[in-house]
Amino acid sequence: MSILTVTNLTHMFGDQLTFQDINFRLLKGEHAGLVGANGAGKSTLFRLLAGNLLPDQGKIEWASNVQVGFLEQHMKLQAGITVMQYLQRAFQDLYDKEQLMHQIADKMATAGDDLDTLLQKYGELQAILDHSDFYQIQAKIEDVVRGLGMMEMGLATDVSTLSGGQKTKLLLAKLLLEEPHVLLLDEPTNYLDTVHIDWLTGYLLKYPHAYLIVSHDEHFLNDILTVTFHLAHHTIRRYVGNYAQFKKEYALSQEQLQATYTKQNKEIAKLEAFIDINRIRKAKQAKSRQKALDKIVRVDKRMDTPQPRFKFNAQGNNAGAIVFEAKHLKVGYNKPLFKPLTLTVKRGDKIAIVGENGSGKSTLIKTLLNNLKPLSGILTTREYVKVAYYQQEDVGSSETPLNKVWALRPDLTQKDIRQTLAMSGLTSEHIRKPIHSLSGGEQAKVRLAELMLTESNLLVLDEPTNHLDVRAKQALRLALRDYKGTILLVSHEPSFYEDWVTDVWSVQDWR
């Protein structure tokens, strides 16, 4: 039974086509993934399905009474609400029934002849709460909070003070607690550590309803999917199986397409050669060949989006020199997050900084970069250090990538800027759109293009792989491996860094 039917769906951004006449169905209880390169339109399709955008053409039809829960990449939260209060909203209907029970109980003392009616209503409400495990809500909330690694943010914390990663976790937690008939999850593993991804994997494997998930985490997708939808070349195709099975079938289809394309081109070339040679001498036969040529339905050899390439050039030659030196450094805001740190970072070191979200990794980086004053201790930074810094959060602007990056390096020509953006995997369409309208992966590529044009001998990257597709991650991994300078990397993906870093700092060890 279909709970979602999409028919002839077309969407345009300005005069640029996102997808055209796409058709697919999501079945009841189906565990599906939506994959495709950055910029293919995955987040746009989700917003259309959630009703946040209107299609230019086509229909999106949900089955009657279907509850849809949508996790967006970016969302603002209202101040004045605690983490616990926000999560309790997942059960607002039950809390309303409890409040009604209290009101009925207050009326019973003076009910008179209405007492039986009130008792019956009270009993009905009590039965609903019991059936819904209302008195286990607190335990349910705490289980999800622990599973997603949210305990350290504090359940009494105002939601408006949370970091971007913490907000994403909060939104995800509330959706999981609501248990809608369909979950639309856009990159739910961003900002989650390995242990929390494992918890989410187990939760989704047991999820009784349907979901459609966008993610670039291949291991995660292989574990949770039974169906994979591939969005590419303005259209969508359904594959039965997980991500690995999709890749195998897709590669085979591409080989078949290439063989068909090659065979057809040979046939076309043969017909065209005959027509050119015999246009006059054998006019009747040439005309017959021309009719045959006109009837051929030409194979559309659709090319994949450009493969990103990143290259960061280290400035200067200070091999063996010290970059940072910290002695008895206390890091934090009001109180130290770690024991006093004594650290030395040398030229050429490539260090991965790991630990649970909220454990202080970003705070440590900001302190080492002198963006945050240490609580005490000595921090020495060498004068020759030139930093290129990729921050975890960046507010999308109304500028285009072309203008934003060119403003960083006005000494270069527009051609130079366009070439750098193209290296990052951005097309001519992308670079003329407002940055805030780009997908998370496309915005990440803009920021990486800026880093490529920034003179540096120290790269500092805070979760750079969030939102990047598989090919972009691989290109970035190779570029960082080949970088001749120093690197400080915050990451929750060991597979991304484990074969090229020289050291791993686990902040948990400093507690």
Protein backbone atom coordinates (compact mmCIF):
# COMPACT_ATOMS: atom_id res chain seq x y z
CA MET A 1 0.00 0.00 0.00
CA SER A 2 1.37 3.41 -1.00
CA ILE A 3 1.48 6.10 1.65
CA LEU A 4 3.11 8.56 -0.77
CA THR A 5 2.57 8.89 -4.51
CA VAL A 6 4.55 11.43 -6.54
CA THR A 7 3.39 12.01 -10.11
CA ASN A 8 5.11 14.06 -12.85
CA LEU A 9 6.81 16.31 -10.30
CA THR A 10 8.80 19.21 -11.76
CA HIS A 11 10.69 21.91 -9.89
CA MET A 12 12.63 24.93 -11.17
CA PHE A 13 14.93 27.32 -9.36
CA GLY A 14 14.64 30.49 -11.42
CA ASP A 15 15.30 29.29 -14.95
CA GLN A 16 17.31 26.26 -13.78
CA LEU A 17 15.71 22.81 -13.75
CA THR A 18 16.06 20.82 -10.52
CA PHE A 19 14.10 17.77 -11.66
CA GLN A 20 11.44 17.07 -14.27
CA ASP A 21 8.44 14.73 -14.40
CA ILE A 22 9.68 12.45 -11.64
CA ASN A 23 7.44 9.62 -10.45
CA PHE A 24 7.82 7.34 -7.45
CA ARG A 25 5.94 5.73 -4.56
CA LEU A 26 6.81 5.14 -0.92
CA LEU A 27 5.11 2.09 0.57
CA LYS A 28 3.75 1.64 4.08
CA GLY A 29 6.55 0.67 6.48
CA GLU A 30 9.24 0.98 3.79
CA HIS A 31 12.77 1.87 4.94
CA ALA A 32 14.14 3.91 2.06
CA GLY A 33 17.08 6.17 1.32
CA LEU A 34 17.44 9.07 -1.11
CA VAL A 35 20.95 9.34 -2.57
CA GLY A 36 22.65 11.50 -5.16
CA ALA A 37 25.47 13.97 -5.57
CA ASN A 38 25.51 17.33 -3.79
CA GLY A 39 23.15 19.64 -5.66
CA ALA A 40 21.04 16.88 -7.22
CA GLY A 41 17.98 18.27 -5.41
CA LYS A 42 17.57 15.89 -2.45
CA SER A 43 16.90 18.59 0.16
CA THR A 44 14.62 20.41 -2.30
CA LEU A 45 12.61 17.23 -2.84
CA PHE A 46 12.28 16.79 0.92
CA ARG A 47 10.97 20.33 1.32
CA LEU A 48 8.43 19.67 -1.42
CA LEU A 49 7.30 16.45 0.26
CA ALA A 50 7.01 18.27 3.61
CA GLY A 51 4.91 21.04 2.02
CA ASN A 52 7.53 23.75 2.64
CA LEU A 53 7.81 24.33 -1.12
CA LEU A 54 5.23 24.18 -3.88
CA PRO A 55 5.99 22.23 -7.08
CA ASP A 56 5.95 23.94 -10.45
CA GLN A 57 4.10 20.95 -11.90
CA GLY A 58 2.90 17.54 -10.79
CA LYS A 59 1.27 16.04 -7.71
CA ILE A 60 2.41 14.94 -4.25
CA GLU A 61 -0.30 12.79 -2.66
CA TRP A 62 -0.07 11.46 0.90
CA ALA A 63 -2.46 8.77 2.11
CA SER A 64 -5.20 10.09 4.39
CA ASN A 65 -4.34 10.69 8.07
CA VAL A 66 -0.60 10.11 7.52
CA GLN A 67 1.63 11.95 10.00
CA VAL A 68 4.88 13.17 8.43
CA GLY A 69 7.93 14.20 10.48
CA PHE A 70 10.59 16.26 8.70
CA LEU A 71 14.15 16.86 9.94
CA GLU A 72 15.60 19.88 8.15
CA GLN A 73 19.31 20.71 7.88
CA HIS A 74 18.80 24.18 9.39
CA MET A 75 16.04 25.43 11.68
CA LYS A 76 15.65 28.21 14.27
CA LEU A 77 14.38 27.47 17.79
CA GLN A 78 12.40 29.87 19.96
CA ALA A 79 14.04 31.26 23.12
CA GLY A 80 12.53 30.64 26.54
CA ILE A 81 12.00 26.89 26.16
CA THR A 82 14.19 24.27 27.82
CA VAL A 83 15.46 21.12 26.14
CA MET A 84 13.11 18.98 28.25
CA GLN A 85 10.08 21.18 27.53
CA TYR A 86 10.81 21.02 23.80
CA LEU A 87 11.05 17.22 23.87
CA GLN A 88 7.85 16.94 25.91
CA ARG A 89 6.03 18.66 23.03
CA ALA A 90 6.29 15.34 21.20
CA PHE A 91 3.60 14.13 23.60
CA GLN A 92 1.57 17.36 23.80
CA ASP A 93 -1.72 15.62 23.03
CA LEU A 94 -1.24 13.28 26.00
CA TYR A 95 -0.26 16.14 28.32
CA ASP A 96 -3.44 17.96 27.23
CA LYS A 97 -5.49 14.89 28.17
CA GLU A 98 -3.78 14.76 31.56
CA GLN A 99 -4.65 18.42 32.11
CA LEU A 100 -8.27 17.71 31.18
CA MET A 101 -8.31 14.86 33.73
CA HIS A 102 -7.16 17.29 36.43
CA GLN A 103 -9.94 19.69 35.46
CA ILE A 104 -12.52 16.88 35.63
CA ALA A 105 -11.21 15.80 39.03
CA ASP A 106 -11.64 19.37 40.31
CA LYS A 107 -15.28 19.37 39.14
CA MET A 108 -16.14 16.08 40.82
CA ALA A 109 -16.38 17.60 44.31
CA THR A 110 -19.41 19.67 43.25
CA ALA A 111 -20.67 17.53 40.37
CA GLY A 112 -23.99 16.37 41.83
CA ASP A 113 -25.97 14.48 39.20
CA ASP A 114 -23.13 14.91 36.65
CA LEU A 115 -20.74 12.77 38.70
CA ASP A 116 -21.34 9.57 36.70
CA THR A 117 -20.68 11.39 33.43
CA LEU A 118 -17.48 12.93 34.78
CA LEU A 119 -16.31 9.57 36.16
CA GLN A 120 -16.89 7.94 32.77
CA LYS A 121 -14.96 10.68 30.94
CA TYR A 122 -12.19 10.51 33.52
CA GLY A 123 -11.93 6.74 33.07
CA GLU A 124 -11.80 7.05 29.28
CA LEU A 125 -8.96 9.55 29.46
CA GLN A 126 -7.11 7.41 32.01
CA ALA A 127 -7.41 4.40 29.68
CA ILE A 128 -5.97 6.40 26.78
CA LEU A 129 -2.99 7.53 28.89
CA ASP A 130 -2.36 4.00 30.14
CA HIS A 131 -2.58 2.56 26.61
CA SER A 132 -0.15 5.26 25.37
CA ASP A 133 2.42 4.55 28.12
CA PHE A 134 1.99 8.12 29.31
CA TYR A 135 3.66 7.43 32.63
CA GLN A 136 6.76 6.13 30.82
CA ILE A 137 7.31 9.35 28.86
CA GLN A 138 10.15 10.54 31.06
CA ALA A 139 11.99 7.24 30.60
CA LYS A 140 11.42 7.37 26.81
CA ILE A 141 12.83 10.88 26.61
CA GLU A 142 15.88 10.01 28.67
CA ASP A 143 16.54 6.91 26.54
CA VAL A 144 16.57 8.96 23.31
CA VAL A 145 18.60 11.74 24.96
CA ARG A 146 21.26 9.25 26.05
CA GLY A 147 21.20 7.45 22.72
CA LEU A 148 21.89 10.64 20.76
CA GLY A 149 24.51 11.91 23.24
CA MET A 150 22.50 14.86 24.51
CA MET A 151 22.91 14.48 28.28
CA GLU A 152 25.83 16.91 28.51
CA MET A 153 23.88 19.76 26.91
CA GLY A 154 21.59 19.78 29.97
CA LEU A 155 17.84 19.18 29.92
CA ALA A 156 17.23 22.57 31.60
CA THR A 157 19.22 24.47 28.94
CA ASP A 158 17.42 27.11 26.86
CA VAL A 159 17.14 25.75 23.32
CA SER A 160 18.13 29.11 21.77
CA THR A 161 21.62 28.82 23.32
CA LEU A 162 22.43 25.48 21.71
CA SER A 163 25.04 25.10 18.97
CA GLY A 164 24.04 24.09 15.46
CA GLY A 165 24.95 20.45 16.08
CA GLN A 166 23.05 20.36 19.37
CA LYS A 167 19.96 21.85 17.72
CA THR A 168 20.08 19.19 15.04
CA LYS A 169 20.21 16.49 17.72
CA LEU A 170 17.29 18.09 19.56
CA LEU A 171 15.12 18.22 16.43
CA LEU A 172 15.98 14.60 15.64
CA ALA A 173 15.20 13.48 19.19
CA LYS A 174 11.76 15.11 19.11
CA LEU A 175 10.92 13.48 15.77
CA LEU A 176 11.94 10.04 17.02
CA LEU A 177 9.80 10.50 20.13
CA GLU A 178 6.79 11.51 18.00
CA GLU A 179 7.04 8.30 15.93
CA PRO A 180 5.22 9.68 12.85
CA HIS A 181 4.00 7.37 10.10
CA VAL A 182 6.78 8.71 7.87
CA LEU A 183 10.16 10.12 8.88
CA LEU A 184 11.87 12.44 6.39
CA LEU A 185 15.42 12.72 7.76
CA ASP A 186 17.90 15.00 5.99
CA GLU A 187 21.43 13.95 7.01
CA PRO A 188 20.56 12.75 10.53
CA THR A 189 24.08 11.47 11.29
CA ASN A 190 25.69 14.92 10.99
CA TYR A 191 27.03 15.90 14.43
CA LEU A 192 26.61 12.36 15.76
CA ASP A 193 29.57 10.36 17.06
CA THR A 194 30.09 6.73 16.10
CA VAL A 195 28.43 5.35 19.24
CA HIS A 196 25.36 7.54 18.68
CA ILE A 197 25.16 6.59 14.99
CA ASP A 198 25.16 2.97 16.14
CA TRP A 199 22.29 3.73 18.53
CA LEU A 200 20.33 5.50 15.77
CA THR A 201 20.97 2.57 13.44
CA GLY A 202 19.48 0.15 15.96
CA TYR A 203 16.50 2.46 16.54
CA LEU A 204 15.72 2.76 12.83
CA LEU A 205 16.08 -0.96 12.19
CA LYS A 206 13.25 -1.50 14.69
CA TYR A 207 11.21 1.52 13.56
CA PRO A 208 7.65 0.27 12.89
CA HIS A 209 6.78 2.89 10.27
CA ALA A 210 8.25 4.19 7.01
CA TYR A 211 11.16 6.53 6.52
CA LEU A 212 13.03 8.25 3.71
CA ILE A 213 16.57 9.29 4.63
CA VAL A 214 19.22 11.45 2.97
CA SER A 215 22.74 10.60 4.08
CA HIS A 216 26.27 10.37 2.68
CA ASP A 217 27.34 7.83 5.30
CA GLU A 218 27.64 4.61 3.28
CA HIS A 219 28.00 2.31 6.31
CA PHE A 220 24.89 3.79 7.90
CA LEU A 221 22.85 3.44 4.70
CA ASN A 222 23.97 -0.15 4.18
CA ASP A 223 22.71 -1.04 7.64
CA ILE A 224 19.25 0.57 7.53
CA LEU A 225 17.92 0.56 3.95
CA THR A 226 15.77 -1.91 2.09
CA VAL A 227 15.09 0.46 -0.83
CA THR A 228 17.29 3.16 -2.43
CA PHE A 229 16.05 6.04 -4.58
CA HIS A 230 18.73 7.63 -6.77
CA LEU A 231 18.20 11.27 -7.77
CA ALA A 232 20.34 12.33 -10.73
CA HIS A 233 20.07 14.05 -14.10
CA HIS A 234 16.71 15.63 -13.16
CA THR A 235 15.05 12.27 -12.61
CA ILE A 236 14.71 9.52 -9.99
CA ARG A 237 15.05 5.75 -10.09
CA ARG A 238 14.16 3.11 -7.52
CA TYR A 239 16.55 0.28 -6.58
CA VAL A 240 15.66 -2.60 -4.27
CA GLY A 241 18.26 -3.09 -1.55
CA ASN A 242 20.74 -1.05 0.48
CA TYR A 243 23.39 1.40 -0.73
CA ALA A 244 25.93 -1.27 -1.65
CA GLN A 245 23.37 -3.10 -3.78
CA PHE A 246 22.38 0.20 -5.42
CA LYS A 247 26.02 0.98 -6.30
CA LYS A 248 26.46 -2.45 -7.86
CA GLU A 249 23.30 -2.14 -9.97
CA TYR A 250 24.03 1.47 -10.92
CA ALA A 251 27.56 0.60 -12.09
CA LEU A 252 26.13 -2.23 -14.21
CA SER A 253 23.51 0.06 -15.74
CA GLN A 254 26.19 2.62 -16.58
CA GLU A 255 28.27 -0.06 -18.32
CA GLN A 256 25.22 -1.15 -20.32
CA LEU A 257 24.42 2.46 -21.20
CA GLN A 258 28.00 3.00 -22.39
CA ALA A 259 27.87 -0.15 -24.54
CA THR A 260 24.54 0.89 -26.08
CA TYR A 261 25.80 4.43 -26.66
CA THR A 262 28.97 3.18 -28.38
CA LYS A 263 27.08 0.71 -30.56
CA GLN A 264 24.52 3.33 -31.60
CA ASN A 265 27.21 5.89 -32.42
CA LYS A 266 28.90 3.40 -34.74
CA GLU A 267 25.59 2.74 -36.48
CA ILE A 268 24.89 6.49 -36.83
CA ALA A 269 28.39 7.16 -38.16
CA LYS A 270 27.98 4.38 -40.72
CA LEU A 271 24.63 5.76 -41.93
CA GLU A 272 25.93 9.34 -42.09
CA ALA A 273 29.00 8.26 -44.08
CA PHE A 274 26.84 6.40 -46.62
CA ILE A 275 24.51 9.39 -46.99
CA ASP A 276 27.40 11.83 -47.51
CA ILE A 277 29.08 9.66 -50.15
CA ASN A 278 25.95 8.61 -52.03
CA ARG A 279 23.77 11.71 -51.79
CA ILE A 280 23.83 12.15 -55.61
CA ARG A 281 25.14 8.86 -57.05
CA LYS A 282 22.67 6.69 -55.12
CA ALA A 283 20.11 9.30 -54.12
CA LYS A 284 17.27 6.84 -53.55
CA GLN A 285 19.33 4.65 -51.23
CA ALA A 286 20.75 7.72 -49.44
CA LYS A 287 17.23 9.03 -48.87
CA SER A 288 16.20 5.66 -47.41
CA ARG A 289 19.22 5.72 -45.09
CA GLN A 290 18.31 9.27 -44.04
CA LYS A 291 14.81 8.14 -43.06
CA ALA A 292 16.33 5.32 -41.00
CA LEU A 293 18.70 7.81 -39.36
CA ASP A 294 15.84 10.19 -38.50
CA LYS A 295 13.93 7.38 -36.78
CA ILE A 296 16.74 6.47 -34.41
CA VAL A 297 15.97 7.41 -30.79
CA ARG A 298 19.37 8.59 -29.64
CA VAL A 299 20.76 7.28 -26.37
CA ASP A 300 21.21 10.08 -23.87
CA LYS A 301 24.61 9.43 -22.30
CA ARG A 302 24.09 11.30 -19.08
CA MET A 303 27.33 12.26 -17.45
CA ASP A 304 27.83 12.36 -13.70
CA THR A 305 28.51 15.73 -12.06
CA PRO A 306 32.15 16.86 -12.09
CA GLN A 307 34.50 15.07 -9.72
CA PRO A 308 35.62 17.58 -7.06
CA ARG A 309 39.36 18.22 -6.70
CA PHE A 310 40.87 20.07 -3.76
CA LYS A 311 44.43 21.37 -3.42
CA PHE A 312 45.75 23.35 -0.48
CA ASN A 313 49.17 24.91 -0.93
CA ALA A 314 51.32 25.29 2.18
CA GLN A 315 53.25 28.56 2.38
CA GLY A 316 56.86 28.69 3.53
CA ASN A 317 59.23 25.94 4.62
CA ASN A 318 59.49 25.65 8.38
CA ALA A 319 59.87 21.90 8.78
CA GLY A 320 60.42 20.92 12.39
CA ALA A 321 59.50 24.36 13.75
CA ILE A 322 56.94 24.69 16.52
CA VAL A 323 53.48 25.99 15.56
CA PHE A 324 51.78 26.03 18.98
CA GLU A 325 53.13 25.50 22.43
CA ALA A 326 50.75 25.33 25.40
CA LYS A 327 51.75 24.99 29.04
CA HIS A 328 49.23 24.28 31.81
CA LEU A 329 46.48 25.65 29.55
CA LYS A 330 42.96 25.74 30.97
CA VAL A 331 40.30 25.81 28.25
CA GLY A 332 36.65 26.75 28.70
CA TYR A 333 34.22 29.58 29.30
CA ASN A 334 33.22 29.81 32.98
CA LYS A 335 35.08 26.70 34.13
CA PRO A 336 37.76 24.44 32.60
CA LEU A 337 36.56 21.71 30.27
CA PHE A 338 39.75 19.67 30.70
CA LYS A 339 42.63 19.23 33.08
CA PRO A 340 45.51 21.71 32.44
CA LEU A 341 46.95 20.94 29.01
CA THR A 342 50.59 20.93 27.98
CA LEU A 343 50.72 20.48 24.22
CA THR A 344 53.18 21.02 21.37
CA VAL A 345 52.19 21.15 17.71
CA LYS A 346 55.05 21.04 15.20
CA ARG A 347 55.19 21.99 11.57
CA GLY A 348 53.86 19.09 9.48
CA ASP A 349 51.84 17.51 12.29
CA LYS A 350 48.43 16.29 11.19
CA ILE A 351 46.27 15.85 14.26
CA ALA A 352 42.70 14.56 14.52
CA ILE A 353 40.78 15.89 17.53
CA VAL A 354 38.06 13.47 18.53
CA GLY A 355 35.44 13.14 21.24
CA GLU A 356 31.71 13.30 21.80
CA ASN A 357 29.78 16.34 20.62
CA GLY A 358 29.76 19.05 23.24
CA SER A 359 32.97 17.75 24.81
CA GLY A 360 34.97 20.87 23.95
CA LYS A 361 36.68 20.15 20.63
CA SER A 362 35.58 23.40 18.96
CA THR A 363 36.34 25.36 22.15
CA LEU A 364 39.88 23.96 22.14
CA ILE A 365 40.38 25.02 18.52
CA LYS A 366 39.11 28.54 19.18
CA THR A 367 41.50 28.83 22.11
CA LEU A 368 44.52 27.63 20.11
CA LEU A 369 43.64 30.15 17.38
CA ASN A 370 43.38 32.96 19.97
CA ASN A 371 39.72 33.44 19.14
CA LEU A 372 38.92 32.56 22.75
CA LYS A 373 41.01 33.62 25.74
CA PRO A 374 42.24 30.72 27.92
CA LEU A 375 41.14 30.67 31.56
CA SER A 376 44.80 30.38 32.57
CA GLY A 377 48.14 29.03 31.38
CA ILE A 378 50.52 30.00 28.61
CA LEU A 379 49.85 29.68 24.88
CA THR A 380 52.60 30.58 22.42
CA THR A 381 51.91 30.82 18.68
CA ARG A 382 54.77 31.37 16.23
CA GLU A 383 54.67 34.55 14.14
CA TYR A 384 55.02 32.77 10.82
CA VAL A 385 51.79 30.78 11.28
CA LYS A 386 49.19 31.50 8.59
CA VAL A 387 45.82 29.95 9.38
CA ALA A 388 43.04 28.82 7.05
CA TYR A 389 40.04 28.00 9.24
CA TYR A 390 36.97 25.96 8.26
CA GLN A 391 34.35 26.54 10.96
CA GLN A 392 31.63 24.01 11.71
CA GLU A 393 28.81 26.49 11.29
CA ASP A 394 28.49 29.18 8.66
CA VAL A 395 25.47 31.35 7.99
CA GLY A 396 24.48 31.25 4.32
CA SER A 397 24.45 34.70 2.71
CA SER A 398 22.57 36.26 -0.17
CA GLU A 399 25.86 36.67 -2.06
CA THR A 400 26.69 34.30 -4.89
CA PRO A 401 29.67 31.97 -4.51
CA LEU A 402 31.39 33.81 -7.36
CA ASN A 403 31.11 37.21 -5.66
CA LYS A 404 31.92 35.94 -2.17
CA VAL A 405 35.07 34.09 -3.18
CA TRP A 406 36.20 36.87 -5.53
CA ALA A 407 35.88 39.37 -2.66
CA LEU A 408 38.36 37.20 -0.75
CA ARG A 409 40.89 37.40 -3.59
CA PRO A 410 40.22 40.53 -5.68
CA ASP A 411 43.76 40.26 -7.03
CA LEU A 412 42.68 37.26 -9.14
CA THR A 413 40.68 37.28 -12.35
CA GLN A 414 37.10 36.06 -12.58
CA LYS A 415 38.40 33.14 -14.62
CA ASP A 416 40.70 32.12 -11.75
CA ILE A 417 37.81 32.24 -9.28
CA ARG A 418 35.52 30.26 -11.56
CA GLN A 419 38.20 27.60 -12.06
CA THR A 420 38.66 27.20 -8.30
CA LEU A 421 34.91 26.89 -7.74
CA ALA A 422 34.73 24.36 -10.58
CA MET A 423 37.54 22.35 -8.95
CA SER A 424 35.35 22.13 -5.84
CA GLY A 425 32.61 20.49 -7.92
CA LEU A 426 30.41 23.54 -8.43
CA THR A 427 28.84 24.20 -11.83
CA SER A 428 28.23 27.53 -13.54
CA GLU A 429 24.63 27.27 -12.30
CA HIS A 430 25.70 26.92 -8.66
CA ILE A 431 28.13 29.82 -8.60
CA ARG A 432 25.49 32.38 -9.62
CA LYS A 433 22.85 31.36 -7.08
CA PRO A 434 22.58 32.96 -3.61
CA ILE A 435 24.63 30.87 -1.18
CA HIS A 436 21.67 30.42 1.16
CA SER A 437 19.77 28.66 -1.64
CA LEU A 438 22.47 26.02 -2.12
CA SER A 439 22.42 22.63 -0.42
CA GLY A 440 24.57 22.00 2.64
CA GLY A 441 27.11 20.14 0.51
CA GLU A 442 27.32 22.91 -2.07
CA GLN A 443 27.83 25.52 0.67
CA ALA A 444 30.62 23.37 2.11
CA LYS A 445 32.31 23.31 -1.30
CA VAL A 446 32.18 27.12 -1.48
CA ARG A 447 33.96 27.34 1.88
CA LEU A 448 36.55 24.79 0.77
CA ALA A 449 37.16 26.87 -2.36
CA GLU A 450 37.87 29.83 -0.09
CA LEU A 451 40.39 27.73 1.82
CA MET A 452 42.15 26.79 -1.41
CA LEU A 453 42.65 30.50 -2.14
CA THR A 454 43.78 31.36 1.40
CA GLU A 455 47.52 31.51 1.98
CA SER A 456 48.21 29.13 4.84
CA ASN A 457 50.63 26.78 6.50
CA LEU A 458 48.07 25.64 9.08
CA LEU A 459 44.71 24.20 8.12
CA VAL A 460 42.14 24.04 10.91
CA LEU A 461 38.99 22.14 9.93
CA ASP A 462 36.00 21.65 12.22
CA GLU A 463 33.84 18.78 10.91
CA PRO A 464 34.48 19.54 7.21
CA THR A 465 32.82 16.35 5.94
CA ASN A 466 29.34 17.22 7.21
CA HIS A 467 27.05 17.47 4.14
CA LEU A 468 29.74 16.37 1.64
CA ASP A 469 28.85 13.53 -0.71
CA VAL A 470 31.03 10.43 -1.01
CA ARG A 471 33.13 11.66 -3.92
CA ALA A 472 33.77 15.05 -2.34
CA LYS A 473 34.84 13.39 0.93
CA GLN A 474 37.32 11.22 -0.93
CA ALA A 475 38.74 14.21 -2.82
CA LEU A 476 39.12 16.19 0.41
CA ARG A 477 40.78 13.25 2.16
CA LEU A 478 43.40 12.98 -0.58
CA ALA A 479 44.04 16.75 -0.55
CA LEU A 480 44.60 16.80 3.20
CA ARG A 481 46.85 13.75 2.98
CA ASP A 482 49.02 15.55 0.41
CA TYR A 483 49.06 18.93 2.20
CA LYS A 484 52.63 19.86 3.22
CA GLY A 485 51.63 22.08 6.13
CA THR A 486 50.10 21.43 9.56
CA ILE A 487 46.53 20.25 10.09
CA LEU A 488 44.18 20.28 13.08
CA LEU A 489 41.05 18.32 12.19
CA VAL A 490 37.90 17.81 14.22
CA SER A 491 36.07 14.76 12.87
CA HIS A 492 33.78 11.93 13.93
CA GLU A 493 34.69 9.76 10.91
CA PRO A 494 37.78 7.60 11.55
CA SER A 495 37.58 6.25 7.99
CA PHE A 496 38.19 9.80 6.75
CA TYR A 497 41.41 10.48 8.67
CA GLU A 498 42.91 7.32 10.11
CA ASP A 499 45.33 6.59 7.23
CA TRP A 500 46.99 10.03 7.06
CA VAL A 501 47.01 11.75 10.48
CA THR A 502 50.16 11.65 12.62
CA ASP A 503 48.36 11.81 15.97
CA VAL A 504 44.88 11.60 17.51
CA TRP A 505 43.85 13.74 20.48
CA SER A 506 40.90 12.25 22.37
CA VAL A 507 39.46 15.00 24.55
CA GLN A 508 37.80 12.37 26.74
CA ASP A 509 41.28 11.46 27.99
CA TRP A 510 41.77 15.01 29.30
CA ARG A 511 38.69 15.06 31.53
